[in-house]
Amino acid sequence: EKTPTTLAEEYFAAEKREATTVYNFTEEQQEDDRRAIVVVREKASDESEEDGRPLAFVIPRVLNEQECDDLIASCEEHGISPPTASVGTLRTAKRTTKYQNATLSQHLFEKLGQEEMLQNLHDDDGMGEFYGIHSNWRVLRYDPCGDVFPAHQDQMDTMQIKREDGTKDMLASSHTMLINLSKDGVEGGATRFYPDSKVRTSALGQYDGRSVDVFLPRGWALVFRQKGLIHAGQPVTGGTQSKYVAQAGVLRLLPREKMIQPSVFRLGPGLNELTGTA
């Protein structure tokens, strides 16, 4: 096997390898436990993962079968399209544009508002309490022809809300909520994390550390940090069904004195040069 000489070569070699850790919840979804399950942790100072802060966790059963069907139908009617060349992405998976669904966001807030992992996010980063789910949903369709979303960092969503006294509060997302809407019959298509990879670097070895694949049953959610967490939608390599996922920002109410550096969409290390926009 040829030794990679660039980060891009390193990434595409890693994409074809099995992840170092695999969580396949589709094989164990009979349990009725609804508690969140941590799947990725930050490395602690002693290089162990035991006490590291949670970077990604799974919440079982946030939507039922009918809700998944209805959301797919709504998005297909709205339009799910391939990316244009001007977007500057290596993604081949198709996606909605400007799809708003405040009803879905409110439904999930009512259902998950007391979820302990969401309530405890403020202990993790000081960004403020969990406020809700952004109504701007990005729904993706990965067709079984190798559709993929190569490694990237997610973008932060922001919005302002007006208070009764006329002042405004700032909301910003710190995490992405991704819900699997797919029916059985998808081959491949895990969400893969590269938790040791650095967003801005030219050093080789970014894709040679830990890699974590997560397979979700239909209607389950995966919540993960946006800033600095490189992840990918692995290729859907076959099967009888397309993979559908819905994702939106987990909003936090920022303390008035809090200044944040926003997370912007960025391809994984070494990949931006392949878009022709570097």
Protein backbone atom coordinates (compact mmCIF):
# COMPACT_ATOMS: atom_id res chain seq x y z
CA GLU A 1 0.00 0.00 0.00
CA LYS A 2 1.36 3.38 -1.03
CA THR A 3 2.35 5.67 1.83
CA PRO A 4 0.36 8.94 1.67
CA THR A 5 2.47 12.01 0.95
CA THR A 6 -0.31 14.60 1.32
CA LEU A 7 -3.16 15.11 3.78
CA ALA A 8 -5.69 14.51 0.99
CA GLU A 9 -4.13 11.13 0.20
CA GLU A 10 -4.07 10.36 3.89
CA TYR A 11 -7.77 11.21 4.22
CA PHE A 12 -8.99 9.11 1.31
CA ALA A 13 -6.93 6.17 2.57
CA ALA A 14 -8.50 6.60 6.02
CA GLU A 15 -12.00 6.86 4.50
CA LYS A 16 -11.60 3.33 3.10
CA ARG A 17 -10.38 1.83 6.37
CA GLU A 18 -12.60 0.55 9.13
CA ALA A 19 -12.86 3.03 12.01
CA THR A 20 -10.91 2.33 15.17
CA THR A 21 -14.21 2.35 17.11
CA VAL A 22 -17.66 1.48 15.74
CA TYR A 23 -21.01 2.13 17.47
CA ASN A 24 -23.75 0.34 15.56
CA PHE A 25 -26.94 1.09 17.45
CA THR A 26 -29.06 -0.49 14.70
CA GLU A 27 -28.06 -3.85 16.16
CA GLU A 28 -29.19 -3.03 19.70
CA GLN A 29 -32.25 -0.84 19.46
CA GLN A 30 -34.66 -3.06 21.37
CA GLU A 31 -33.78 -1.49 24.73
CA ASP A 32 -36.36 0.97 26.00
CA ASP A 33 -33.73 3.15 27.73
CA ARG A 34 -33.89 6.74 26.42
CA ARG A 35 -30.78 8.05 28.16
CA ALA A 36 -28.10 9.72 26.08
CA ILE A 37 -25.00 7.67 25.25
CA VAL A 38 -21.59 9.34 24.86
CA VAL A 39 -19.75 8.08 21.75
CA VAL A 40 -16.80 10.52 21.49
CA ARG A 41 -14.84 12.17 24.27
CA GLU A 42 -12.08 14.72 24.30
CA LYS A 43 -8.73 13.29 25.28
CA ALA A 44 -7.87 14.15 28.88
CA SER A 45 -4.49 15.60 29.75
CA ASP A 46 -3.13 12.13 30.55
CA GLU A 47 -4.14 10.94 27.04
CA SER A 48 -6.91 8.69 28.37
CA GLU A 49 -10.50 9.14 27.17
CA GLU A 50 -12.22 8.22 30.43
CA ASP A 51 -12.56 11.70 31.93
CA GLY A 52 -12.52 13.79 28.76
CA ARG A 53 -15.44 16.10 28.03
CA PRO A 54 -18.17 14.64 25.81
CA LEU A 55 -17.80 15.68 22.17
CA ALA A 56 -20.64 13.60 20.72
CA PHE A 57 -23.58 11.70 22.17
CA VAL A 58 -26.59 9.77 20.91
CA ILE A 59 -30.19 10.37 22.02
CA PRO A 60 -32.52 7.44 21.26
CA ARG A 61 -35.97 7.72 19.69
CA VAL A 62 -36.50 11.43 19.10
CA LEU A 63 -38.82 10.89 16.09
CA ASN A 64 -41.16 8.03 15.24
CA GLU A 65 -41.59 6.27 11.89
CA GLN A 66 -44.42 8.51 10.71
CA GLU A 67 -42.58 11.69 11.68
CA CYS A 68 -39.56 10.52 9.68
CA ASP A 69 -41.76 9.74 6.64
CA ASP A 70 -43.50 13.12 6.86
CA LEU A 71 -40.22 15.03 7.13
CA ILE A 72 -38.73 13.26 4.11
CA ALA A 73 -41.87 14.00 2.07
CA SER A 74 -41.87 17.66 3.14
CA CYS A 75 -38.22 18.08 2.16
CA GLU A 76 -38.53 16.29 -1.16
CA GLU A 77 -41.44 18.61 -1.99
CA HIS A 78 -39.34 21.61 -0.92
CA GLY A 79 -36.41 20.40 -3.01
CA ILE A 80 -33.24 18.42 -2.28
CA SER A 81 -30.50 19.32 -4.76
CA PRO A 82 -26.83 18.53 -5.44
CA PRO A 83 -24.28 21.22 -4.54
CA THR A 84 -23.23 23.73 -7.16
CA ALA A 85 -19.58 24.19 -8.13
CA SER A 86 -19.53 27.62 -6.46
CA VAL A 87 -20.21 26.18 -3.01
CA GLY A 88 -16.61 25.02 -2.57
CA THR A 89 -17.36 21.57 -1.16
CA LEU A 90 -16.46 17.99 -1.97
CA ARG A 91 -19.93 16.86 -0.89
CA THR A 92 -21.89 14.82 -3.44
CA ALA A 93 -24.85 14.20 -1.10
CA LYS A 94 -27.89 16.31 -2.00
CA ARG A 95 -29.34 18.86 0.43
CA THR A 96 -32.19 21.26 1.09
CA THR A 97 -31.67 25.02 0.87
CA LYS A 98 -33.49 27.48 3.13
CA TYR A 99 -35.79 24.84 4.57
CA GLN A 100 -37.43 26.18 7.73
CA ASN A 101 -39.41 23.93 10.09
CA ALA A 102 -40.18 25.72 13.36
CA THR A 103 -42.82 23.10 14.19
CA LEU A 104 -40.21 20.34 14.20
CA SER A 105 -37.83 22.42 16.32
CA GLN A 106 -40.54 23.18 18.88
CA HIS A 107 -41.61 19.53 18.98
CA LEU A 108 -38.04 18.44 19.71
CA PHE A 109 -37.57 21.14 22.35
CA GLU A 110 -40.71 19.97 24.15
CA LYS A 111 -39.52 16.37 23.95
CA LEU A 112 -35.85 16.93 24.82
CA GLY A 113 -35.88 20.10 26.92
CA GLN A 114 -35.06 18.17 30.09
CA GLU A 115 -32.44 15.89 28.48
CA GLU A 116 -29.57 15.90 30.97
CA MET A 117 -26.78 16.00 28.39
CA LEU A 118 -28.32 19.08 26.74
CA GLN A 119 -28.99 20.78 30.06
CA ASN A 120 -25.36 20.24 31.13
CA LEU A 121 -23.76 21.77 28.04
CA HIS A 122 -23.17 25.07 29.89
CA ASP A 123 -20.90 23.25 32.33
CA ASP A 124 -18.75 22.25 29.37
CA ASP A 125 -18.00 25.53 27.60
CA GLY A 126 -19.62 28.49 29.38
CA MET A 127 -21.71 29.43 26.35
CA GLY A 128 -24.96 29.60 28.29
CA GLU A 129 -27.99 27.42 28.82
CA PHE A 130 -29.66 25.21 26.21
CA TYR A 131 -32.32 27.32 24.46
CA GLY A 132 -33.71 25.11 21.70
CA ILE A 133 -33.12 23.84 18.16
CA HIS A 134 -32.68 26.28 15.25
CA SER A 135 -35.59 26.20 12.79
CA ASN A 136 -33.24 26.18 9.78
CA TRP A 137 -32.96 22.48 9.00
CA ARG A 138 -30.51 21.03 6.49
CA VAL A 139 -31.85 17.72 5.24
CA LEU A 140 -29.47 15.60 3.20
CA ARG A 141 -30.03 12.66 0.89
CA TYR A 142 -27.19 10.26 0.17
CA ASP A 143 -28.12 8.12 -2.83
CA PRO A 144 -26.67 4.58 -3.03
CA CYS A 145 -24.16 5.50 -5.72
CA GLY A 146 -21.31 6.46 -3.41
CA ASP A 147 -22.76 9.78 -2.20
CA VAL A 148 -20.54 11.21 0.51
CA PHE A 149 -19.83 14.29 2.63
CA PRO A 150 -16.05 14.33 3.19
CA ALA A 151 -14.44 15.51 6.42
CA HIS A 152 -15.42 18.98 7.63
CA GLN A 153 -16.23 21.21 10.60
CA ASP A 154 -19.83 22.44 10.93
CA GLN A 155 -20.84 26.07 10.86
CA MET A 156 -22.35 27.91 13.82
CA ASP A 157 -25.92 29.23 13.50
CA THR A 158 -26.80 32.53 15.19
CA MET A 159 -29.95 34.56 15.73
CA GLN A 160 -31.26 37.38 17.91
CA ILE A 161 -34.43 37.42 20.00
CA LYS A 162 -36.10 40.58 21.24
CA ARG A 163 -36.99 40.81 24.91
CA GLU A 164 -40.06 42.57 26.33
CA ASP A 165 -37.91 45.50 27.48
CA GLY A 166 -36.69 46.05 23.92
CA THR A 167 -33.20 44.66 24.45
CA LYS A 168 -31.96 41.71 22.43
CA ASP A 169 -30.44 38.41 23.41
CA MET A 170 -28.01 36.58 21.17
CA LEU A 171 -28.41 32.88 20.46
CA ALA A 172 -25.65 30.79 18.93
CA SER A 173 -25.31 27.10 18.22
CA SER A 174 -22.51 25.11 19.82
CA HIS A 175 -23.53 21.66 18.62
CA THR A 176 -25.25 20.03 15.67
CA MET A 177 -28.23 17.72 16.12
CA LEU A 178 -28.34 15.12 13.34
CA ILE A 179 -31.35 12.78 13.08
CA ASN A 180 -31.37 9.64 10.96
CA LEU A 181 -34.56 9.50 8.87
CA SER A 182 -33.53 6.53 6.71
CA LYS A 183 -35.46 3.31 6.25
CA ASP A 184 -33.66 -0.02 6.50
CA GLY A 185 -31.67 -0.97 3.42
CA VAL A 186 -28.82 1.58 3.49
CA GLU A 187 -25.30 0.19 3.06
CA GLY A 188 -22.44 2.23 4.51
CA GLY A 189 -23.13 5.85 5.38
CA ALA A 190 -21.84 6.01 8.95
CA THR A 191 -21.16 9.37 10.54
CA ARG A 192 -17.40 9.25 11.17
CA PHE A 193 -15.49 11.41 13.63
CA TYR A 194 -11.77 12.20 13.62
CA PRO A 195 -11.56 13.64 17.16
CA ASP A 196 -7.78 14.05 17.19
CA SER A 197 -7.61 15.95 13.89
CA LYS A 198 -6.86 19.68 13.91
CA VAL A 199 -8.85 21.99 11.66
CA ARG A 200 -6.00 24.30 10.68
CA THR A 201 -2.80 22.37 10.04
CA SER A 202 -0.63 21.07 7.24
CA ALA A 203 1.02 18.36 9.34
CA LEU A 204 0.56 14.78 8.21
CA GLY A 205 -1.04 12.30 10.59
CA GLN A 206 -4.37 14.10 11.04
CA TYR A 207 -6.40 11.06 9.95
CA ASP A 208 -4.19 8.38 11.51
CA GLY A 209 -5.44 8.73 15.09
CA ARG A 210 -8.82 7.81 16.54
CA SER A 211 -11.76 7.41 14.18
CA VAL A 212 -15.27 6.69 15.42
CA ASP A 213 -18.15 5.45 13.25
CA VAL A 214 -21.75 5.87 14.45
CA PHE A 215 -24.70 4.08 12.86
CA LEU A 216 -28.11 5.27 14.07
CA PRO A 217 -31.48 3.54 13.91
CA ARG A 218 -34.28 5.47 12.28
CA GLY A 219 -35.48 8.38 14.41
CA TRP A 220 -32.38 8.50 16.67
CA ALA A 221 -30.30 11.66 17.07
CA LEU A 222 -26.57 12.30 17.22
CA VAL A 223 -25.48 15.55 18.92
CA PHE A 224 -21.90 16.73 18.48
CA ARG A 225 -19.74 19.79 19.01
CA GLN A 226 -19.34 22.05 16.01
CA LYS A 227 -16.11 23.94 16.62
CA GLY A 228 -13.01 21.88 16.00
CA LEU A 229 -14.67 18.47 15.62
CA ILE A 230 -13.85 17.02 12.19
CA HIS A 231 -16.43 14.54 10.95
CA ALA A 232 -17.71 13.05 7.70
CA GLY A 233 -20.73 11.40 6.15
CA GLN A 234 -19.16 8.15 4.93
CA PRO A 235 -20.03 6.92 1.41
CA VAL A 236 -23.34 5.16 0.89
CA THR A 237 -22.00 2.29 -1.13
CA GLY A 238 -25.11 0.35 -2.05
CA GLY A 239 -28.33 -1.06 -0.71
CA THR A 240 -31.94 -0.47 -1.69
CA GLN A 241 -32.52 2.86 0.06
CA SER A 242 -31.08 6.36 0.13
CA LYS A 243 -29.77 7.68 3.42
CA TYR A 244 -31.67 10.71 4.76
CA VAL A 245 -30.49 12.80 7.70
CA ALA A 246 -31.85 16.05 9.14
CA GLN A 247 -29.53 18.42 10.98
CA ALA A 248 -29.87 21.75 12.77
CA GLY A 249 -27.97 23.81 15.33
CA VAL A 250 -28.42 23.31 19.09
CA LEU A 251 -28.96 26.88 20.30
CA ARG A 252 -27.51 28.40 23.46
CA LEU A 253 -28.46 31.66 25.17
CA LEU A 254 -25.18 33.55 25.31
CA PRO A 255 -24.36 35.45 28.51
CA ARG A 256 -24.37 39.20 27.78
CA GLU A 257 -20.66 39.55 28.49
CA LYS A 258 -19.71 36.45 26.50
CA MET A 259 -17.60 36.97 23.39
CA ILE A 260 -17.27 33.97 21.09
CA GLN A 261 -15.28 33.14 18.02
CA PRO A 262 -17.78 31.58 15.62
CA SER A 263 -17.30 28.16 14.09
CA VAL A 264 -17.39 28.43 10.29
CA PHE A 265 -17.78 25.64 7.76
CA ARG A 266 -14.35 24.33 6.91
CA LEU A 267 -13.23 21.20 5.11
CA GLY A 268 -10.90 18.84 6.93
CA PRO A 269 -7.15 19.38 6.79
CA GLY A 270 -5.74 19.07 3.27
CA LEU A 271 -9.11 18.90 1.51
CA ASN A 272 -9.83 22.54 0.67
CA GLU A 273 -7.19 22.55 -2.07
CA LEU A 274 -9.20 19.90 -3.94
CA THR A 275 -12.21 22.22 -4.41
CA GLY A 276 -10.40 24.69 -6.65
CA THR A 277 -11.27 27.53 -4.25
CA ALA A 278 -8.17 27.38 -2.04
